Amino acid sequence: MPQRGVRLGEQLIAAEYIIAKSITRTGAVSLEEWNKNWHDHKQEIATGRVQVHDLPPDKAKEVADLVSTTDGIIFPASAISTARSRICPYTTFAERLFLLR
């Protein structure tokens, strides 16, 4: 999740949704929409833009292999909190912490 920092209380600037390619590439997302807003995690991993840290090499490879079967879309935090408040104004404490930090 892209953020300005990694400490508790830092401001969330965006959140990435990770969706299986079996969903995004079988009609749930139009090609035009995908090209405009989505990205392929297999490509990001292959180019080194995305790396798995803090795991033993064998576990890091497992995570990378799994994530390479997904596509991603990034939403700015303002869009997430606005959309969430329209769907349901009531949130759990954990959701408020996630959305508001």
Protein backbone atom coordinates (compact mmCIF):
# COMPACT_ATOMS: atom_id res chain seq x y z
CA MET A 1 0.00 0.00 0.00
CA PRO A 2 1.65 3.23 -1.09
CA GLN A 3 2.16 5.60 1.81
CA ARG A 4 4.39 8.50 2.75
CA GLY A 5 5.79 6.52 5.68
CA VAL A 6 5.64 3.18 7.38
CA ARG A 7 5.03 4.25 10.96
CA LEU A 8 1.63 4.00 12.61
CA GLY A 9 -0.22 7.26 12.15
CA GLU A 10 1.43 8.22 8.87
CA GLN A 11 -0.88 9.54 6.17
CA LEU A 12 -2.30 7.00 3.76
CA ILE A 13 -1.99 8.39 0.24
CA ALA A 14 -3.33 5.46 -1.81
CA ALA A 15 -4.41 1.85 -1.68
CA GLU A 16 -3.86 -0.81 -4.29
CA TYR A 17 -6.44 -3.43 -5.02
CA ILE A 18 -4.94 -6.71 -6.20
CA ILE A 19 -7.33 -8.79 -8.30
CA ALA A 20 -6.76 -12.18 -9.95
CA LYS A 21 -6.18 -12.04 -13.69
CA SER A 22 -8.84 -14.75 -14.01
CA ILE A 23 -11.31 -12.00 -13.08
CA THR A 24 -9.84 -8.88 -14.69
CA ARG A 25 -9.10 -10.53 -18.01
CA THR A 26 -12.31 -12.44 -18.59
CA GLY A 27 -14.72 -9.58 -19.17
CA ALA A 28 -15.08 -8.02 -15.72
CA VAL A 29 -12.82 -5.16 -16.85
CA SER A 30 -12.93 -3.82 -20.40
CA LEU A 31 -9.66 -3.65 -22.31
CA GLU A 32 -10.04 0.14 -22.54
CA GLU A 33 -10.51 0.40 -18.75
CA TRP A 34 -7.64 -2.00 -18.08
CA ASN A 35 -5.25 -0.05 -20.31
CA LYS A 36 -6.27 3.21 -18.66
CA ASN A 37 -6.11 2.25 -14.98
CA TRP A 38 -4.70 -1.23 -14.35
CA HIS A 39 -1.21 -2.76 -14.32
CA ASP A 40 0.24 -6.27 -14.55
CA HIS A 41 2.11 -7.46 -11.48
CA LYS A 42 3.98 -10.13 -13.47
CA GLN A 43 5.58 -7.33 -15.50
CA GLU A 44 6.41 -5.30 -12.39
CA ILE A 45 8.06 -8.30 -10.74
CA ALA A 46 9.97 -9.26 -13.90
CA THR A 47 11.40 -5.74 -14.26
CA GLY A 48 12.38 -5.54 -10.59
CA ARG A 49 10.02 -2.65 -9.89
CA VAL A 50 8.28 -4.82 -7.29
CA GLN A 51 10.28 -7.01 -4.93
CA VAL A 52 9.41 -9.15 -1.92
CA HIS A 53 11.44 -8.31 1.18
CA ASP A 54 11.71 -9.68 4.71
CA LEU A 55 11.13 -13.32 3.74
CA PRO A 56 13.50 -16.21 3.09
CA PRO A 57 14.24 -16.56 -0.65
CA ASP A 58 12.00 -19.61 -1.13
CA LYS A 59 9.03 -17.90 0.55
CA ALA A 60 9.68 -14.65 -1.33
CA LYS A 61 9.53 -16.60 -4.59
CA GLU A 62 6.21 -18.17 -3.54
CA VAL A 63 4.75 -14.73 -2.82
CA ALA A 64 6.10 -13.28 -6.08
CA ASP A 65 4.73 -16.23 -8.06
CA LEU A 66 1.29 -15.76 -6.52
CA VAL A 67 1.25 -11.98 -7.00
CA SER A 68 2.34 -12.38 -10.64
CA THR A 69 -1.07 -13.98 -11.31
CA THR A 70 -2.78 -10.69 -10.43
CA ASP A 71 -3.44 -7.22 -11.82
CA GLY A 72 -3.50 -4.07 -9.73
CA ILE A 73 -5.36 -0.79 -9.63
CA ILE A 74 -4.38 2.08 -7.35
CA PHE A 75 -6.90 4.46 -5.80
CA PRO A 76 -5.99 7.70 -4.02
CA ALA A 77 -6.99 7.68 -0.37
CA SER A 78 -9.49 10.48 -0.95
CA ALA A 79 -11.40 8.33 -3.44
CA ILE A 80 -11.47 5.38 -1.06
CA SER A 81 -12.79 7.26 1.95
CA THR A 82 -15.34 9.13 -0.18
CA ALA A 83 -16.60 5.92 -1.81
CA ARG A 84 -16.67 4.10 1.53
CA SER A 85 -18.70 6.83 3.19
CA ARG A 86 -21.24 6.72 0.36
CA ILE A 87 -21.61 2.95 0.62
CA CYS A 88 -21.89 2.77 4.39
CA PRO A 89 -21.19 5.64 6.76
CA TYR A 90 -20.57 3.20 9.62
CA THR A 91 -17.11 1.72 9.81
CA THR A 92 -15.28 -0.44 12.27
CA PHE A 93 -12.38 0.99 14.24
CA ALA A 94 -9.94 -0.94 12.04
CA GLU A 95 -11.52 0.46 8.88
CA ARG A 96 -11.35 4.02 10.23
CA LEU A 97 -7.69 3.49 11.14
CA PHE A 98 -7.00 2.20 7.62
CA LEU A 99 -8.99 4.89 5.81
CA LEU A 100 -8.04 7.90 7.88
CA ARG A 101 -4.36 7.49 8.66
